[in-house]
Amino acid sequence: MQSNNQNRNITYHKIANMQDQNNIEEIKIEDQKIINNKELSIWEALIPVIALVIMLFFNVFFAFGDDALSGSNQFILLLGGAIAAMVGVFNKVSYKRMLEEVAENIKSTAGALLILLMVGSLAGTWLISGIIPTMIYYGLQILNPTIFLASCVIICAIISVATGSSWTTSATVGIALIGISEALGISLGMTAGAILSGAYFGDKLSPLSDTTNLAPAMAGTDLFTHIRYMLYTTVPTIVVTIIVFIIIGLGLEPSGIADTDTILQSIDTSFNISPWLFIVPILVIIMIVKKTPPLIALLAGTLLGGLAALIFQPNIVATIGGSENLDFISGYKGIMNAMTVDTAIETDNEALNDLFSAGGMSGMLGTIWLIICAMVFGGIMDAIGALARISKALLKMFHTTFGLFASTVASCLALNLTASDQYLAIVVPGKMYAKAFQEKGLAPENLSRTLEDSGTVTSVLVPWNTCGAYHSGVLGVPVLDYMYFAIFNWLSPFVTLLFAAFRIKIKMLQETKK
């Protein structure tokens, strides 16, 4: 998924903590831990969750609306963490332990936060170099509005399978497709939903994706058995998604289509458009496919974008650098400004002026702030044992085979909402449910598939989850605007439950042994 594309080596060990009265047990999974608190009741575990949901609902729907992510939601997450901390203190969990878990949670997102900063700088240099305008220029000529949304799904699916990263897909072709959508007058929410549907199809199936490696490791199966078994639910889901977007496309009347020629002329006037500029994004994608760490690939893409700007758009660089003519100082200042602060390219077309702007690294600070606050809440919930307690309670509620699948899905969704972290939504249910699936005679690939169908893909539907915050920040589209159109993401859990209800492709342990 986001932080790297290499297989994870998963190790386990238990750590006793005498400081907390021996009622807390840790099961460490690489850098993730499941903490069981024997003194915590299910109702106590749910208090912070219920309080958080009520506060967020009021904040978004009655107070700030779309502006809630400007800061108020972040503080609500801190308030939720404070409530969780009070529950923890009541249940003999030390302040020190809670702070340590928060620190570990934030530490685990360090790679993601750095990627966000690098994506901001990449978007800035790709704008002033003409890379994004060139993608939009040719995309407007190639992508017919009727099939645009379906094309977004397919293009992003291909890129994501090749790179193993939904994050890289959003940060490269996703940004360009959003630009084309805005130029055509197509809903940005629809476009973002189509982009993420394709991106998470690849994220689920690519052997380069770390969540695709993590899920089978948690369930106790191997990578390629897991991928083959996921095809049964994933392929029908993506087919339905594409069909829905084709139907939506047939009914679209994009407001920008009549002005396409004018838009193309304005882009051509403002930038030196050249197919040679495609070399930079192609090189970045090749680096990701070759398993180059995303941070290195994005840094390389940023620097190459800056170099391309000096070669292809010297006048723009000089203007951003505060000079009429390009020299070393104005060139340096122009590239640095594009990478770090707000940058806007003025054109003779008012519709393009908002499109040709980027926030640089500073534009990502709001998203980073949200992730940090979410990790505070998730870390405290983990430290007091609430995450494990909620999962165990869900497990006890169901006794049938379908109930076990439904409980797993519910746990994954609950953890995406409460832990704000995609990995924990896979790790915690994976460890909690592995034995239950075995006792039901179910092969482990049933569990690994369910973890991906409900844990991996739904993370992007939660505004304060690291994935939701990231993609919303990169694409510039609020989660509440695109979540309805991220059809693949919300349909996947229903499909896996449908297969479980009718026992379609539910492999038993006896079949595995044969």
Foldseek 3Di string as FASTA:
>chain_A
DPFFQDEDDWDWDKDQDVQQVRQWIWIDTPLDIFIAGNQDALVLLCVLVVQLVVLVCCCQVPNQPPCCLVPVNLVSLLVSLVSLVVSLVVSRFDPVLLVVLLVSLLVVCVSVLLLLQLLQLLLLLCLLLCVLVLLLLVCLVPDDLLLLLLVLLVVLLVLCLLQLALLVSCSFVVQSSLLNCLLQQHFSLLNLLSNLLSNLLNNCQHSSHHLLNLLCVLQVHHNVVLNVLLCVQSVVLSVVLSVVSSVVSVPDDGPNNVCSVVSSVFSVVQWVHDPVSVVLVVQLSVCSSVRNGNSVSSNSSSVVSLVSSVVTPQCSQLVLLPHRGDDPNSSVSSSVCSQQAKDFRDTPDPSCGVSSIGGHSVLLVSLSSLQSSLSSQLSSSSSSSSLLNNLVVQCVVDDDQLSLLVSLLVSLQVCLQGNLELSCSSNNSSNVCSVVCVVVQFRSSLRSSSSSLRRVLCSLLHCSRNNVSSSCSSNVHHSVSNVVNNSSRVCSNVSSSVCRVVVPSGDGNVVVVD
